[in-house]
């Protein structure tokens, strides 16, 4: 074989190898793991969109989709029932479920209550109402959402903290979107509402903030995060770790990016108009579990006979 022919053949072999190796690698790469998420479509879970659109999920070889639910309890039912792998809900509800025998674990941190006013939820009264403090709520009608929800239970704690007998207050279940009408039509005297409704109500001039109860019951507590069944996490540890890494990256992005960019992402995820998002108070995004606040919430649940005591550390996923 001539020298020139040898050089030509060597070059062809090298070129063929350079093409074959990536193709073989691509063929051996496993298909992406599918994760179905159910969450409440509020700002708290915007990192889901960030992780998808920035490619964080793809880098972990995950195919993640999400479906909205109206309440955290529905998300818990979906995850426990197997129609979703991951849920997004209030910490309190997941802990109550764990304390009643469901094998749920916190998979990734989410958002915290702001330690200083304003907060992204508030107890509101009519602007022209004579109610000026907790004691003035005695004999009044109040809505803090669903009975036994996280807001309701913390409302009871807040009243007790201020020496108000909860039996003197009539609690009514009113959905957050309908609270403004209920208050302005004088069907209730006070409501504990969430954003963006807090901003809508105060901007109307017809409502004012009476208090930010969470900031008094457990300041800076973790209010919402991501959870999954413990059995699923143990059966899919690599997938669980991949989800955690991707969500942590997205949550860190939301915590550190500019307000302008954060508002844009929240607008895209929630469907709220950008002008509205710019006005609302968002929670604090965090990549660290607030374990003391978990214990404080469990203590509240046990005190109200909603759950049995347990070691909160057993429901925290440690990658």
Protein backbone atom coordinates (compact mmCIF):
# COMPACT_ATOMS: atom_id res chain seq x y z
CA UNK A 1 0.00 0.00 0.00
CA UNK A 2 1.37 3.39 -0.95
CA UNK A 3 2.11 6.00 1.65
CA UNK A 4 -0.59 8.30 0.31
CA UNK A 5 -3.17 5.54 0.38
CA UNK A 6 -2.27 4.74 3.98
CA UNK A 7 -2.74 8.36 4.98
CA UNK A 8 -6.09 8.48 3.17
CA UNK A 9 -7.35 5.29 4.85
CA UNK A 10 -6.23 6.47 8.28
CA UNK A 11 -8.07 9.74 7.81
CA UNK A 12 -11.24 7.92 6.75
CA UNK A 13 -11.09 5.60 9.78
CA UNK A 14 -10.61 8.57 12.13
CA UNK A 15 -13.52 10.44 10.57
CA UNK A 16 -15.77 7.39 10.78
CA UNK A 17 -14.85 6.84 14.44
CA UNK A 18 -15.56 10.47 15.24
CA UNK A 19 -19.05 10.03 13.80
CA UNK A 20 -19.80 6.61 15.26
CA UNK A 21 -18.88 7.34 18.90
CA UNK A 22 -21.38 10.21 19.41
CA UNK A 23 -24.07 8.25 17.57
CA UNK A 24 -23.49 5.22 19.80
CA UNK A 25 -23.58 7.42 22.89
CA UNK A 26 -26.82 9.00 21.75
CA UNK A 27 -28.35 5.58 21.15
CA UNK A 28 -27.36 4.31 24.60
CA UNK A 29 -28.65 7.36 26.48
CA UNK A 30 -31.78 6.29 28.35
CA UNK A 31 -35.08 8.02 27.59
CA UNK A 32 -35.94 10.89 29.94
CA UNK A 33 -37.66 10.03 33.19
CA UNK A 34 -41.21 11.35 33.27
CA UNK A 35 -42.33 13.33 36.30
CA UNK A 36 -45.91 14.54 36.61
CA UNK A 37 -46.39 17.43 39.01
CA UNK A 38 -49.62 18.78 40.48
CA UNK A 39 -49.46 22.23 42.02
CA UNK A 40 -51.47 25.30 42.87
CA UNK A 41 -50.88 27.78 39.99
CA UNK A 42 -49.46 30.58 42.14
CA UNK A 43 -46.12 32.38 42.22
CA UNK A 44 -44.67 29.90 44.73
CA UNK A 45 -44.12 27.27 42.05
CA UNK A 46 -42.73 29.46 39.28
CA UNK A 47 -39.39 27.57 39.47
CA UNK A 48 -41.11 24.74 37.58
CA UNK A 49 -41.34 26.96 34.51
CA UNK A 50 -37.83 28.31 35.00
CA UNK A 51 -36.37 24.80 35.26
CA UNK A 52 -38.14 23.71 32.09
CA UNK A 53 -37.47 26.75 29.92
CA UNK A 54 -33.86 27.16 31.00
CA UNK A 55 -33.18 23.49 30.32
CA UNK A 56 -32.40 22.47 33.91
CA UNK A 57 -34.82 19.52 33.73
CA UNK A 58 -33.45 18.46 30.35
CA UNK A 59 -29.89 18.49 31.69
CA UNK A 60 -31.03 16.00 34.34
CA UNK A 61 -32.70 13.88 31.64
CA UNK A 62 -36.14 14.65 33.05
CA UNK A 63 -39.40 15.27 31.24
CA UNK A 64 -41.48 17.31 33.67
CA UNK A 65 -45.05 18.47 33.17
CA UNK A 66 -47.47 20.01 35.63
CA UNK A 67 -51.20 20.34 36.10
CA UNK A 68 -52.99 22.94 38.24
CA UNK A 69 -55.18 22.07 41.21
CA UNK A 70 -57.30 24.37 43.35
CA UNK A 71 -56.10 23.19 46.75
CA UNK A 72 -53.06 21.58 48.31
CA UNK A 73 -55.25 18.75 49.61
CA UNK A 74 -56.03 17.80 46.01
CA UNK A 75 -52.31 17.68 45.22
CA UNK A 76 -51.74 15.38 48.19
CA UNK A 77 -54.52 13.06 47.01
CA UNK A 78 -53.06 12.97 43.49
CA UNK A 79 -49.54 12.12 44.65
CA UNK A 80 -50.63 9.55 47.19
CA UNK A 81 -53.04 8.02 44.69
CA UNK A 82 -50.34 7.69 42.03
CA UNK A 83 -51.67 10.07 39.36
CA UNK A 84 -48.65 12.35 39.94
CA UNK A 85 -45.12 11.83 41.22
CA UNK A 86 -44.57 15.26 42.76
CA UNK A 87 -46.87 17.78 44.37
CA UNK A 88 -46.65 21.44 45.29
CA UNK A 89 -48.54 22.46 48.40
CA UNK A 90 -48.47 24.28 51.70
CA UNK A 91 -46.03 22.69 54.14
CA UNK A 92 -48.69 22.44 56.85
CA UNK A 93 -51.03 20.24 54.81
CA UNK A 94 -48.25 17.83 53.84
CA UNK A 95 -47.15 17.53 57.45
CA UNK A 96 -50.70 16.82 58.60
CA UNK A 97 -50.92 14.09 55.96
CA UNK A 98 -47.63 12.57 57.20
CA UNK A 99 -48.87 12.77 60.77
CA UNK A 100 -51.90 10.75 59.73
CA UNK A 101 -49.97 7.90 58.17
CA UNK A 102 -49.30 8.96 54.57
CA UNK A 103 -45.69 8.30 53.50
CA UNK A 104 -45.02 11.78 52.12
CA UNK A 105 -41.64 13.51 52.13
CA UNK A 106 -40.47 17.02 51.39
CA UNK A 107 -38.54 16.68 48.14
CA UNK A 108 -37.32 20.25 47.57
CA UNK A 109 -37.59 23.61 49.37
CA UNK A 110 -39.86 26.30 48.01
CA UNK A 111 -40.83 29.65 49.51
CA UNK A 112 -40.86 31.35 52.89
CA UNK A 113 -43.00 33.94 54.59
CA UNK A 114 -41.37 37.35 54.63
CA UNK A 115 -39.97 38.19 58.04
CA UNK A 116 -41.00 41.86 57.81
CA UNK A 117 -44.18 43.53 56.47
CA UNK A 118 -45.63 43.41 53.96
CA UNK A 119 -46.28 39.72 53.39
CA UNK A 120 -47.94 37.97 50.45
CA UNK A 121 -51.03 37.21 52.52
CA UNK A 122 -52.88 39.45 54.95
CA UNK A 123 -55.90 39.80 57.20
CA UNK A 124 -58.06 42.57 55.76
CA UNK A 125 -61.09 44.54 56.88
CA UNK A 126 -63.22 47.19 55.20
CA UNK A 127 -61.52 50.57 55.08
CA UNK A 128 -64.38 52.24 56.94
CA UNK A 129 -64.73 49.49 59.54
CA UNK A 130 -64.16 50.19 63.24
CA UNK A 131 -62.06 47.04 63.65
CA UNK A 132 -58.58 48.16 64.72
CA UNK A 133 -57.10 45.14 66.45
CA UNK A 134 -57.56 41.44 67.23
CA UNK A 135 -59.91 42.05 70.15
CA UNK A 136 -62.33 43.86 67.85
CA UNK A 137 -62.95 40.63 65.92
CA UNK A 138 -64.95 39.13 68.80
CA UNK A 139 -68.55 38.70 67.68
CA UNK A 140 -67.60 39.13 64.01
CA UNK A 141 -67.72 36.90 60.92
CA UNK A 142 -64.32 35.99 59.51
CA UNK A 143 -63.04 33.87 56.64
CA UNK A 144 -59.56 32.39 56.53
CA UNK A 145 -60.37 30.03 53.68
CA UNK A 146 -61.19 26.39 54.31
CA UNK A 147 -61.73 25.20 57.86
CA UNK A 148 -58.57 23.38 59.04
CA UNK A 149 -56.49 24.89 56.23
CA UNK A 150 -53.08 26.37 57.03
CA UNK A 151 -54.49 29.92 57.11
CA UNK A 152 -57.39 28.91 59.34
CA UNK A 153 -55.20 27.11 61.89
CA UNK A 154 -52.68 29.93 61.99
CA UNK A 155 -55.57 32.36 62.40
CA UNK A 156 -56.57 30.48 65.55
CA UNK A 157 -52.98 30.65 66.78
CA UNK A 158 -52.85 34.37 66.07
CA UNK A 159 -56.10 34.99 67.96
CA UNK A 160 -54.87 32.97 70.93
CA UNK A 161 -51.60 34.90 70.91
CA UNK A 162 -53.62 38.09 71.34
CA UNK A 163 -55.95 36.65 73.96
CA UNK A 164 -59.05 36.47 71.74
CA UNK A 165 -61.55 33.66 72.39
CA UNK A 166 -62.01 31.94 69.03
CA UNK A 167 -65.45 30.69 70.08
CA UNK A 168 -66.62 34.32 69.92
CA UNK A 169 -65.88 34.43 66.17
CA UNK A 170 -67.96 32.85 63.41
CA UNK A 171 -65.76 31.37 60.71
CA UNK A 172 -67.08 31.03 57.18
CA UNK A 173 -65.48 29.19 54.26
CA UNK A 174 -65.00 31.58 51.36
CA UNK A 175 -62.65 30.88 48.40
CA UNK A 176 -59.84 33.43 48.01
CA UNK A 177 -61.15 34.88 44.70
CA UNK A 178 -64.55 35.53 46.28
CA UNK A 179 -63.34 37.10 49.52
CA UNK A 180 -63.37 40.67 48.22
CA UNK A 181 -67.05 40.51 47.30
CA UNK A 182 -67.91 38.82 50.59
CA UNK A 183 -66.12 41.57 52.53
CA UNK A 184 -67.40 44.53 50.52
CA UNK A 185 -70.97 43.20 50.55
CA UNK A 186 -70.68 42.89 54.35
CA UNK A 187 -71.28 39.14 54.42
CA UNK A 188 -68.08 38.89 56.48
CA UNK A 189 -66.21 41.42 58.59
CA UNK A 190 -62.65 40.28 57.90
CA UNK A 191 -60.85 37.98 55.48
CA UNK A 192 -57.39 36.44 55.38
CA UNK A 193 -56.58 36.63 51.69
CA UNK A 194 -53.52 35.99 49.52
CA UNK A 195 -51.86 37.73 46.60
CA UNK A 196 -52.81 39.01 44.10
CA UNK A 197 -56.15 39.55 45.82
CA UNK A 198 -54.57 41.44 48.72
CA UNK A 199 -53.22 44.03 46.29
CA UNK A 200 -56.51 44.22 44.35
CA UNK A 201 -58.43 44.83 47.57
CA UNK A 202 -56.12 47.46 49.05
CA UNK A 203 -55.68 49.28 45.73
CA UNK A 204 -59.48 49.59 45.48
CA UNK A 205 -59.42 51.82 48.56
CA UNK A 206 -62.20 49.75 50.12
CA UNK A 207 -60.01 47.48 52.25
CA UNK A 208 -57.06 47.90 54.59
CA UNK A 209 -54.63 45.47 56.17
CA UNK A 210 -55.31 44.64 59.81
CA UNK A 211 -52.40 42.24 60.28
CA UNK A 212 -49.95 39.81 58.71
CA UNK A 213 -50.67 36.81 60.99
CA UNK A 214 -47.94 34.49 59.68
CA UNK A 215 -45.30 37.04 60.60
CA UNK A 216 -46.50 36.83 64.19
CA UNK A 217 -47.09 33.08 64.51
CA UNK A 218 -43.93 31.72 62.80
CA UNK A 219 -41.87 34.56 61.26
CA UNK A 220 -39.92 33.51 58.18
CA UNK A 221 -41.46 30.05 58.09
CA UNK A 222 -41.34 27.88 54.99
CA UNK A 223 -44.88 28.09 53.70
CA UNK A 224 -44.86 25.91 50.56
CA UNK A 225 -42.59 23.39 48.85
CA UNK A 226 -42.44 20.23 46.74
CA UNK A 227 -43.24 16.76 48.06
CA UNK A 228 -43.42 13.14 46.90
CA UNK A 229 -44.15 9.73 48.33
CA UNK A 230 -41.28 8.32 50.33
CA UNK A 231 -41.70 4.99 48.56
CA UNK A 232 -41.33 6.70 45.15
CA UNK A 233 -38.19 8.55 46.27
CA UNK A 234 -36.61 5.33 47.54
CA UNK A 235 -37.49 3.51 44.31
CA UNK A 236 -36.22 6.36 42.11
CA UNK A 237 -33.35 8.01 44.01
CA UNK A 238 -31.49 9.26 40.92
CA UNK A 239 -34.64 10.79 39.46
CA UNK A 240 -35.48 12.40 42.79
CA UNK A 241 -31.98 13.86 43.07
CA UNK A 242 -32.18 15.17 39.51
CA UNK A 243 -35.48 16.90 40.21
CA UNK A 244 -34.07 18.41 43.39
CA UNK A 245 -30.98 19.75 41.61
CA UNK A 246 -33.01 21.28 38.78
CA UNK A 247 -35.57 22.89 41.10
CA UNK A 248 -32.86 24.19 43.42
CA UNK A 249 -31.15 25.87 40.43
CA UNK A 250 -34.44 27.42 39.35
CA UNK A 251 -35.33 28.52 42.89
CA UNK A 252 -31.90 30.08 43.33
CA UNK A 253 -32.41 31.93 40.06
CA UNK A 254 -35.74 33.30 41.31
CA UNK A 255 -34.12 34.36 44.58
CA UNK A 256 -31.18 36.17 43.02
CA UNK A 257 -32.34 37.57 39.69
CA UNK A 258 -33.59 41.13 39.26
CA UNK A 259 -37.12 42.07 40.29
CA UNK A 260 -37.94 42.83 36.66
CA UNK A 261 -36.96 39.37 35.45
CA UNK A 262 -38.55 37.64 38.43
CA UNK A 263 -41.82 39.46 37.78
CA UNK A 264 -41.76 38.36 34.14
CA UNK A 265 -41.36 34.71 35.07
CA UNK A 266 -44.17 34.91 37.65
CA UNK A 267 -46.41 36.54 35.07
CA UNK A 268 -45.72 33.75 32.56
CA UNK A 269 -46.32 30.99 35.11
CA UNK A 270 -49.44 32.35 36.81
CA UNK A 271 -51.06 34.12 33.88
CA UNK A 272 -51.24 37.35 35.88
CA UNK A 273 -50.70 40.51 33.90
CA UNK A 274 -47.19 41.87 34.32
CA UNK A 275 -48.50 45.20 35.61
CA UNK A 276 -50.28 43.31 38.38
CA UNK A 277 -47.25 41.19 39.29
CA UNK A 278 -45.16 44.35 39.65
CA UNK A 279 -47.51 45.50 42.43
CA UNK A 280 -47.95 42.29 44.44
CA UNK A 281 -45.75 41.12 47.30
CA UNK A 282 -44.02 37.85 46.46
CA UNK A 283 -42.78 35.28 48.99
CA UNK A 284 -39.07 34.66 49.52
CA UNK A 285 -37.62 31.87 47.38
CA UNK A 286 -35.17 29.63 49.24
CA UNK A 287 -33.13 26.51 48.49
CA UNK A 288 -32.80 25.61 52.17
CA UNK A 289 -35.40 23.74 54.20
CA UNK A 290 -36.49 25.69 57.29
CA UNK A 291 -36.60 22.74 59.68
CA UNK A 292 -37.41 24.73 62.85
CA UNK A 293 -40.51 26.07 61.11
CA UNK A 294 -41.52 22.50 60.23
CA UNK A 295 -41.36 21.58 63.89
CA UNK A 296 -43.33 24.67 64.86
CA UNK A 297 -46.04 23.81 62.34
CA UNK A 298 -46.18 20.21 63.53
CA UNK A 299 -46.55 21.41 67.10
CA UNK A 300 -49.51 23.52 65.99
CA UNK A 301 -51.10 20.58 64.15
CA UNK A 302 -50.66 18.32 67.19
CA UNK A 303 -52.04 21.01 69.49
CA UNK A 304 -55.16 21.22 67.33
CA UNK A 305 -55.44 17.41 67.24
CA UNK A 306 -54.95 17.32 63.48
CA UNK A 307 -51.90 15.03 63.47
CA UNK A 308 -49.88 12.72 65.67
CA UNK A 309 -46.37 13.85 66.66
CA UNK A 310 -43.38 12.47 64.73
CA UNK A 311 -39.75 13.32 64.01
CA UNK A 312 -39.87 15.97 61.28
CA UNK A 313 -36.44 14.92 60.02
CA UNK A 314 -37.83 11.64 58.70
CA UNK A 315 -39.83 13.46 56.02
CA UNK A 316 -36.96 15.57 54.68
CA UNK A 317 -35.25 14.25 51.55
CA UNK A 318 -31.48 14.37 51.88
CA UNK A 319 -29.89 13.78 48.45
